[in-house]
Amino acid sequence: MQPKPRHPLRTVLSITASAAGLLLAGCDRVNPAPPPSTEEVAIRTAPPEQVFQGTLAGQPIHLVVHDCEVLRVQQGAQGRIEWTSVLAPEPYPFPTACERQSLSFDAGQVTARLGRRAFGAGGCCASGGTYRSADGLDWKKL
């Protein structure tokens, strides 16, 4: 027995539906994830001695030191990571580069060690120092 011939309009509709399916195949990714921000990359790649994530003064806090500046890390709009500066060395009148930076935790307080070296100068440090905080927001220079 021979197959029944298809109606020409039915064949056209079938081909059109197949083509539409191919065109829409990638549409489940209408809003692809945006590339990671500078902050997200810096936080992910920071070594352990430049990160503190824990509790200070009874509040959870996430700190990271980046380019000789202590930054508070928070979840921002649309799930993006944002950071806010909570400590930076005093300004220096000439160009500098970050020579040393670290965070450490002891006895319920975080200690930040920051040091910027002036370009063309030997040794460290034109600005910076050692700072301590009990809440991660208010810092005292030691």
N, C-alpha and C. Protein backbone atom coordinates (compact mmCIF):
# COMPACT_ATOMS: atom_id res chain seq x y z
N MET A 1 0.83 -1.17 0.00
CA MET A 1 0.00 0.00 0.00
C MET A 1 0.88 1.24 0.00
N GLN A 2 0.56 2.21 -0.82
CA GLN A 2 1.36 3.42 -0.91
C GLN A 2 0.89 4.44 0.12
N PRO A 3 1.87 5.23 0.63
CA PRO A 3 1.46 6.25 1.59
C PRO A 3 0.58 7.30 0.93
N LYS A 4 -0.31 7.81 1.72
CA LYS A 4 -1.24 8.82 1.25
C LYS A 4 -0.48 10.12 1.01
N PRO A 5 -0.64 10.76 -0.14
CA PRO A 5 0.07 12.02 -0.40
C PRO A 5 -0.41 13.10 0.56
N ARG A 6 0.54 13.95 0.96
CA ARG A 6 0.23 15.05 1.89
C ARG A 6 -0.33 16.23 1.12
N HIS A 7 -1.13 16.96 1.77
CA HIS A 7 -1.67 18.18 1.19
C HIS A 7 -0.56 19.22 1.14
N PRO A 8 -0.41 19.98 0.04
CA PRO A 8 0.68 20.95 -0.09
C PRO A 8 0.71 21.98 1.03
N LEU A 9 -0.41 22.45 1.49
CA LEU A 9 -0.44 23.45 2.56
C LEU A 9 0.06 22.84 3.86
N ARG A 10 -0.28 21.59 4.12
CA ARG A 10 0.17 20.91 5.34
C ARG A 10 1.70 20.75 5.30
N THR A 11 2.27 20.46 4.14
CA THR A 11 3.72 20.33 4.00
C THR A 11 4.41 21.67 4.28
N VAL A 12 3.87 22.76 3.75
CA VAL A 12 4.44 24.08 3.98
C VAL A 12 4.39 24.44 5.46
N LEU A 13 3.28 24.18 6.12
CA LEU A 13 3.15 24.47 7.55
C LEU A 13 4.13 23.65 8.37
N SER A 14 4.35 22.42 8.01
CA SER A 14 5.27 21.55 8.71
C SER A 14 6.70 22.06 8.58
N ILE A 15 7.09 22.47 7.37
CA ILE A 15 8.44 23.00 7.14
C ILE A 15 8.62 24.31 7.90
N THR A 16 7.61 25.17 7.90
CA THR A 16 7.67 26.45 8.60
C THR A 16 7.81 26.23 10.10
N ALA A 17 7.09 25.30 10.66
CA ALA A 17 7.18 25.00 12.09
C ALA A 17 8.57 24.47 12.44
N SER A 18 9.13 23.63 11.58
CA SER A 18 10.48 23.10 11.82
C SER A 18 11.50 24.22 11.79
N ALA A 19 11.40 25.12 10.84
CA ALA A 19 12.33 26.24 10.74
C ALA A 19 12.21 27.16 11.96
N ALA A 20 11.00 27.40 12.40
CA ALA A 20 10.79 28.24 13.59
C ALA A 20 11.42 27.58 14.81
N GLY A 21 11.32 26.27 14.90
CA GLY A 21 11.93 25.55 16.02
C GLY A 21 13.44 25.72 16.02
N LEU A 22 14.05 25.68 14.82
CA LEU A 22 15.49 25.87 14.73
C LEU A 22 15.89 27.29 15.11
N LEU A 23 15.12 28.26 14.69
CA LEU A 23 15.41 29.66 15.01
C LEU A 23 15.28 29.93 16.50
N LEU A 24 14.35 29.27 17.15
CA LEU A 24 14.09 29.51 18.57
C LEU A 24 14.91 28.62 19.48
N ALA A 25 15.71 27.73 18.92
CA ALA A 25 16.45 26.77 19.73
C ALA A 25 17.34 27.44 20.76
N GLY A 26 17.95 28.57 20.46
CA GLY A 26 18.83 29.25 21.40
C GLY A 26 18.16 30.30 22.24
N CYS A 27 16.84 30.42 22.17
CA CYS A 27 16.14 31.50 22.86
C CYS A 27 15.95 31.27 24.35
N ASP A 28 16.32 30.13 24.87
CA ASP A 28 16.19 29.93 26.30
C ASP A 28 17.23 30.75 27.05
N ARG A 29 18.22 31.29 26.35
CA ARG A 29 19.24 32.13 26.96
C ARG A 29 19.05 33.58 26.51
N VAL A 30 17.88 34.12 26.77
CA VAL A 30 17.57 35.48 26.34
C VAL A 30 18.50 36.48 27.02
N ASN A 31 18.74 36.32 28.31
CA ASN A 31 19.61 37.21 29.07
C ASN A 31 20.80 36.42 29.59
N PRO A 32 21.85 36.27 28.80
CA PRO A 32 23.01 35.52 29.30
C PRO A 32 23.64 36.26 30.47
N ALA A 33 24.31 35.52 31.33
CA ALA A 33 24.94 36.13 32.51
C ALA A 33 25.99 37.14 32.05
N PRO A 34 26.00 38.32 32.69
CA PRO A 34 26.99 39.32 32.31
C PRO A 34 28.39 38.84 32.71
N PRO A 35 29.42 39.34 32.07
CA PRO A 35 30.77 38.95 32.46
C PRO A 35 31.06 39.42 33.88
N PRO A 36 31.96 38.75 34.59
CA PRO A 36 32.25 39.18 35.96
C PRO A 36 32.83 40.59 35.99
N SER A 37 32.47 41.33 37.02
CA SER A 37 32.96 42.70 37.17
C SER A 37 34.41 42.68 37.66
N THR A 38 35.05 43.83 37.64
CA THR A 38 36.41 43.97 38.15
C THR A 38 36.46 43.54 39.61
N GLU A 39 35.44 43.94 40.37
CA GLU A 39 35.38 43.59 41.78
C GLU A 39 35.31 42.07 41.97
N GLU A 40 34.44 41.41 41.21
CA GLU A 40 34.28 39.97 41.33
C GLU A 40 35.57 39.23 41.00
N VAL A 41 36.25 39.66 39.97
CA VAL A 41 37.52 39.02 39.60
C VAL A 41 38.56 39.24 40.71
N ALA A 42 38.66 40.46 41.22
CA ALA A 42 39.64 40.75 42.27
C ALA A 42 39.36 39.95 43.54
N ILE A 43 38.09 39.81 43.89
CA ILE A 43 37.73 39.06 45.09
C ILE A 43 38.03 37.58 44.92
N ARG A 44 37.70 37.02 43.77
CA ARG A 44 37.96 35.59 43.51
C ARG A 44 39.44 35.26 43.47
N THR A 45 40.26 36.19 43.02
CA THR A 45 41.68 35.91 42.85
C THR A 45 42.53 36.38 44.03
N ALA A 46 41.94 37.02 45.02
CA ALA A 46 42.70 37.51 46.17
C ALA A 46 43.21 36.33 46.99
N PRO A 47 44.49 36.36 47.39
CA PRO A 47 45.02 35.29 48.23
C PRO A 47 44.42 35.36 49.64
N PRO A 48 44.46 34.27 50.39
CA PRO A 48 43.83 34.23 51.72
C PRO A 48 44.27 35.34 52.67
N GLU A 49 45.53 35.77 52.58
CA GLU A 49 46.00 36.81 53.50
C GLU A 49 45.47 38.20 53.17
N GLN A 50 44.68 38.30 52.10
CA GLN A 50 44.08 39.58 51.73
C GLN A 50 42.56 39.57 51.87
N VAL A 51 42.02 38.55 52.54
CA VAL A 51 40.57 38.41 52.68
C VAL A 51 40.21 38.11 54.13
N PHE A 52 39.16 38.74 54.62
CA PHE A 52 38.55 38.37 55.89
C PHE A 52 37.05 38.24 55.67
N GLN A 53 36.52 37.09 56.06
CA GLN A 53 35.08 36.89 55.99
C GLN A 53 34.68 36.20 57.29
N GLY A 54 33.94 36.93 58.12
CA GLY A 54 33.56 36.40 59.42
C GLY A 54 32.66 37.37 60.14
N THR A 55 32.72 37.32 61.47
CA THR A 55 31.87 38.17 62.31
C THR A 55 32.72 39.13 63.10
N LEU A 56 32.35 40.39 63.06
CA LEU A 56 32.99 41.43 63.86
C LEU A 56 31.89 42.22 64.55
N ALA A 57 32.04 42.47 65.83
CA ALA A 57 31.06 43.22 66.62
C ALA A 57 29.66 42.62 66.45
N GLY A 58 29.58 41.29 66.34
CA GLY A 58 28.29 40.60 66.23
C GLY A 58 27.64 40.66 64.86
N GLN A 59 28.31 41.23 63.87
CA GLN A 59 27.75 41.36 62.53
C GLN A 59 28.63 40.64 61.50
N PRO A 60 28.00 39.92 60.56
CA PRO A 60 28.82 39.30 59.51
C PRO A 60 29.40 40.37 58.60
N ILE A 61 30.64 40.16 58.18
CA ILE A 61 31.29 41.13 57.30
C ILE A 61 32.29 40.40 56.40
N HIS A 62 32.44 40.92 55.21
CA HIS A 62 33.38 40.37 54.23
C HIS A 62 34.27 41.53 53.79
N LEU A 63 35.57 41.40 54.05
CA LEU A 63 36.54 42.43 53.68
C LEU A 63 37.58 41.83 52.75
N VAL A 64 38.08 42.65 51.86
CA VAL A 64 39.18 42.26 50.99
C VAL A 64 40.08 43.48 50.83
N VAL A 65 41.39 43.23 50.79
CA VAL A 65 42.32 44.33 50.56
C VAL A 65 42.78 44.22 49.11
N HIS A 66 42.68 45.37 48.40
CA HIS A 66 43.00 45.40 46.97
C HIS A 66 43.66 46.74 46.66
N ASP A 67 44.85 46.69 46.09
CA ASP A 67 45.60 47.89 45.75
C ASP A 67 45.75 48.82 46.95
N CYS A 68 46.13 48.22 48.09
CA CYS A 68 46.37 48.94 49.35
C CYS A 68 45.14 49.69 49.87
N GLU A 69 43.97 49.12 49.64
CA GLU A 69 42.73 49.71 50.13
C GLU A 69 41.86 48.58 50.67
N VAL A 70 41.30 48.75 51.87
CA VAL A 70 40.41 47.74 52.45
C VAL A 70 39.00 48.04 51.97
N LEU A 71 38.37 47.01 51.41
CA LEU A 71 37.05 47.17 50.81
C LEU A 71 36.05 46.23 51.47
N ARG A 72 34.87 46.73 51.72
CA ARG A 72 33.78 45.90 52.25
C ARG A 72 33.01 45.33 51.07
N VAL A 73 32.85 44.03 51.06
CA VAL A 73 32.18 43.34 49.96
C VAL A 73 30.73 43.07 50.35
N GLN A 74 29.81 43.42 49.45
CA GLN A 74 28.39 43.19 49.69
C GLN A 74 27.71 42.76 48.41
N GLN A 75 26.57 42.09 48.57
CA GLN A 75 25.74 41.71 47.42
C GLN A 75 24.97 42.94 46.99
N GLY A 76 25.10 43.29 45.73
CA GLY A 76 24.44 44.49 45.22
C GLY A 76 23.19 44.15 44.43
N ALA A 77 22.76 45.12 43.65
CA ALA A 77 21.57 44.96 42.82
C ALA A 77 21.78 43.83 41.81
N GLN A 78 20.75 43.10 41.56
CA GLN A 78 20.74 42.01 40.59
C GLN A 78 21.79 40.95 40.90
N GLY A 79 22.14 40.79 42.20
CA GLY A 79 23.07 39.75 42.60
C GLY A 79 24.53 40.06 42.31
N ARG A 80 24.82 41.25 41.83
CA ARG A 80 26.21 41.62 41.52
C ARG A 80 26.95 41.93 42.82
N ILE A 81 28.23 41.61 42.82
CA ILE A 81 29.07 41.93 43.98
C ILE A 81 29.53 43.37 43.85
N GLU A 82 29.42 44.09 44.97
CA GLU A 82 29.86 45.48 45.01
C GLU A 82 30.80 45.64 46.19
N TRP A 83 31.68 46.61 46.10
CA TRP A 83 32.54 46.88 47.25
C TRP A 83 32.57 48.35 47.55
N THR A 84 32.82 48.64 48.83
CA THR A 84 32.88 50.01 49.33
C THR A 84 34.18 50.17 50.10
N SER A 85 34.90 51.24 49.85
CA SER A 85 36.15 51.49 50.56
C SER A 85 35.86 51.81 52.02
N VAL A 86 36.57 51.11 52.92
CA VAL A 86 36.43 51.40 54.35
C VAL A 86 37.75 51.89 54.94
N LEU A 87 38.86 51.71 54.20
CA LEU A 87 40.17 52.17 54.68
C LEU A 87 41.13 52.32 53.51
N ALA A 88 41.77 53.47 53.43
CA ALA A 88 42.81 53.70 52.42
C ALA A 88 43.90 54.54 53.08
N PRO A 89 45.16 54.33 52.69
CA PRO A 89 46.24 55.15 53.26
C PRO A 89 46.06 56.62 52.88
N GLU A 90 46.69 57.47 53.67
CA GLU A 90 46.63 58.89 53.39
C GLU A 90 47.24 59.18 52.02
N PRO A 91 46.75 60.20 51.34
CA PRO A 91 47.27 60.52 50.01
C PRO A 91 48.75 60.92 50.08
N TYR A 92 49.42 60.71 48.98
CA TYR A 92 50.83 61.08 48.86
C TYR A 92 50.95 61.95 47.61
N PRO A 93 51.75 63.02 47.64
CA PRO A 93 51.76 63.96 46.52
C PRO A 93 52.38 63.45 45.23
N PHE A 94 53.07 62.32 45.27
CA PHE A 94 53.72 61.77 44.08
C PHE A 94 53.16 60.39 43.79
N PRO A 95 53.36 59.87 42.57
CA PRO A 95 52.83 58.54 42.23
C PRO A 95 53.41 57.44 43.14
N THR A 96 52.54 56.50 43.50
CA THR A 96 52.96 55.39 44.35
C THR A 96 52.43 54.07 43.79
N ALA A 97 52.96 52.99 44.31
CA ALA A 97 52.50 51.64 43.98
C ALA A 97 52.34 50.87 45.27
N CYS A 98 51.39 49.97 45.30
CA CYS A 98 51.17 49.16 46.50
C CYS A 98 52.33 48.18 46.67
N GLU A 99 53.02 48.28 47.78
CA GLU A 99 54.18 47.44 48.07
C GLU A 99 53.80 46.24 48.93
N ARG A 100 52.92 46.45 49.90
CA ARG A 100 52.48 45.35 50.77
C ARG A 100 51.07 45.63 51.27
N GLN A 101 50.33 44.52 51.45
CA GLN A 101 48.95 44.62 51.93
C GLN A 101 48.54 43.28 52.51
N SER A 102 47.83 43.32 53.63
CA SER A 102 47.34 42.07 54.23
C SER A 102 46.27 42.39 55.26
N LEU A 103 45.47 41.36 55.56
CA LEU A 103 44.47 41.41 56.62
C LEU A 103 44.72 40.21 57.52
N SER A 104 44.58 40.41 58.83
CA SER A 104 44.68 39.30 59.76
C SER A 104 43.66 39.50 60.87
N PHE A 105 43.28 38.39 61.50
CA PHE A 105 42.25 38.42 62.54
C PHE A 105 42.85 37.88 63.83
N ASP A 106 42.62 38.61 64.94
CA ASP A 106 43.09 38.15 66.24
C ASP A 106 42.26 38.82 67.33
N ALA A 107 41.82 38.03 68.28
CA ALA A 107 41.10 38.52 69.46
C ALA A 107 39.91 39.41 69.09
N GLY A 108 39.14 39.00 68.09
CA GLY A 108 37.93 39.72 67.72
C GLY A 108 38.15 40.99 66.93
N GLN A 109 39.38 41.21 66.46
CA GLN A 109 39.67 42.41 65.68
C GLN A 109 40.42 42.04 64.41
N VAL A 110 40.28 42.90 63.40
CA VAL A 110 40.98 42.72 62.14
C VAL A 110 42.10 43.75 62.08
N THR A 111 43.27 43.30 61.65
CA THR A 111 44.41 44.19 61.47
C THR A 111 44.73 44.27 59.98
N ALA A 112 44.87 45.48 59.49
CA ALA A 112 45.24 45.71 58.09
C ALA A 112 46.63 46.32 58.06
N ARG A 113 47.47 45.76 57.21
CA ARG A 113 48.81 46.31 56.99
C ARG A 113 48.88 46.76 55.53
N LEU A 114 49.08 48.06 55.36
CA LEU A 114 49.09 48.65 54.02
C LEU A 114 50.39 49.43 53.84
N GLY A 115 50.97 49.37 52.67
CA GLY A 115 52.19 50.12 52.42
C GLY A 115 52.32 50.48 50.95
N ARG A 116 52.38 51.76 50.67
CA ARG A 116 52.57 52.25 49.29
C ARG A 116 53.97 52.85 49.19
N ARG A 117 54.68 52.49 48.12
CA ARG A 117 56.03 52.97 47.87
C ARG A 117 55.97 54.02 46.78
N ALA A 118 56.69 55.11 46.99
CA ALA A 118 56.76 56.16 45.97
C ALA A 118 57.63 55.67 44.82
N PHE A 119 57.21 55.96 43.59
CA PHE A 119 58.00 55.57 42.41
C PHE A 119 59.37 56.24 42.49
N GLY A 120 60.40 55.48 42.21
CA GLY A 120 61.75 56.01 42.22
C GLY A 120 62.39 56.03 43.60
N ALA A 121 61.62 55.70 44.62
CA ALA A 121 62.16 55.69 45.98
C ALA A 121 62.48 54.26 46.38
N GLY A 122 63.47 54.09 47.17
CA GLY A 122 63.81 52.76 47.66
C GLY A 122 63.04 52.45 48.93
N GLY A 123 62.84 51.19 49.20
CA GLY A 123 62.18 50.78 50.44
C GLY A 123 60.70 51.05 50.45
N CYS A 124 60.13 50.89 51.60
CA CYS A 124 58.70 51.10 51.77
C CYS A 124 58.51 51.86 53.05
N CYS A 125 57.78 52.75 53.28
CA CYS A 125 56.56 53.05 52.59
C CYS A 125 56.31 54.54 52.70
N ALA A 126 55.92 55.14 51.61
CA ALA A 126 55.61 56.56 51.58
C ALA A 126 54.30 56.84 52.31
N SER A 127 53.36 55.91 52.22
CA SER A 127 52.09 56.06 52.95
C SER A 127 51.61 54.68 53.35
N GLY A 128 50.71 54.65 54.29
CA GLY A 128 50.17 53.38 54.78
C GLY A 128 50.44 53.23 56.26
N GLY A 129 50.53 52.00 56.69
CA GLY A 129 50.76 51.71 58.10
C GLY A 129 49.97 50.50 58.52
N THR A 130 49.84 50.35 59.83
CA THR A 130 49.09 49.25 60.41
C THR A 130 47.86 49.82 61.09
N TYR A 131 46.71 49.24 60.80
CA TYR A 131 45.43 49.73 61.30
C TYR A 131 44.67 48.57 61.93
N ARG A 132 43.81 48.87 62.91
CA ARG A 132 43.02 47.83 63.56
C ARG A 132 41.57 48.29 63.66
N SER A 133 40.66 47.29 63.54
CA SER A 133 39.23 47.58 63.63
C SER A 133 38.51 46.44 64.35
N ALA A 134 37.53 46.81 65.18
CA ALA A 134 36.71 45.82 65.86
C ALA A 134 35.43 45.51 65.08
N ASP A 135 35.06 46.40 64.13
CA ASP A 135 33.83 46.17 63.37
C ASP A 135 34.04 46.15 61.85
N GLY A 136 35.26 46.42 61.39
CA GLY A 136 35.56 46.42 59.97
C GLY A 136 35.20 47.72 59.27
N LEU A 137 34.65 48.66 60.00
CA LEU A 137 34.25 49.94 59.41
C LEU A 137 35.03 51.12 59.97
N ASP A 138 35.25 51.14 61.28
CA ASP A 138 36.01 52.21 61.93
C ASP A 138 37.41 51.67 62.23
N TRP A 139 38.42 52.37 61.74
CA TRP A 139 39.81 51.92 61.84
C TRP A 139 40.65 52.90 62.64
N LYS A 140 41.59 52.36 63.44
CA LYS A 140 42.55 53.17 64.19
C LYS A 140 43.95 52.81 63.73
N LYS A 141 44.75 53.84 63.48
CA LYS A 141 46.13 53.59 63.10
C LYS A 141 46.95 53.26 64.35
N LEU A 142 47.74 52.22 64.26
CA LEU A 142 48.56 51.79 65.40
C LEU A 142 49.92 52.45 65.36
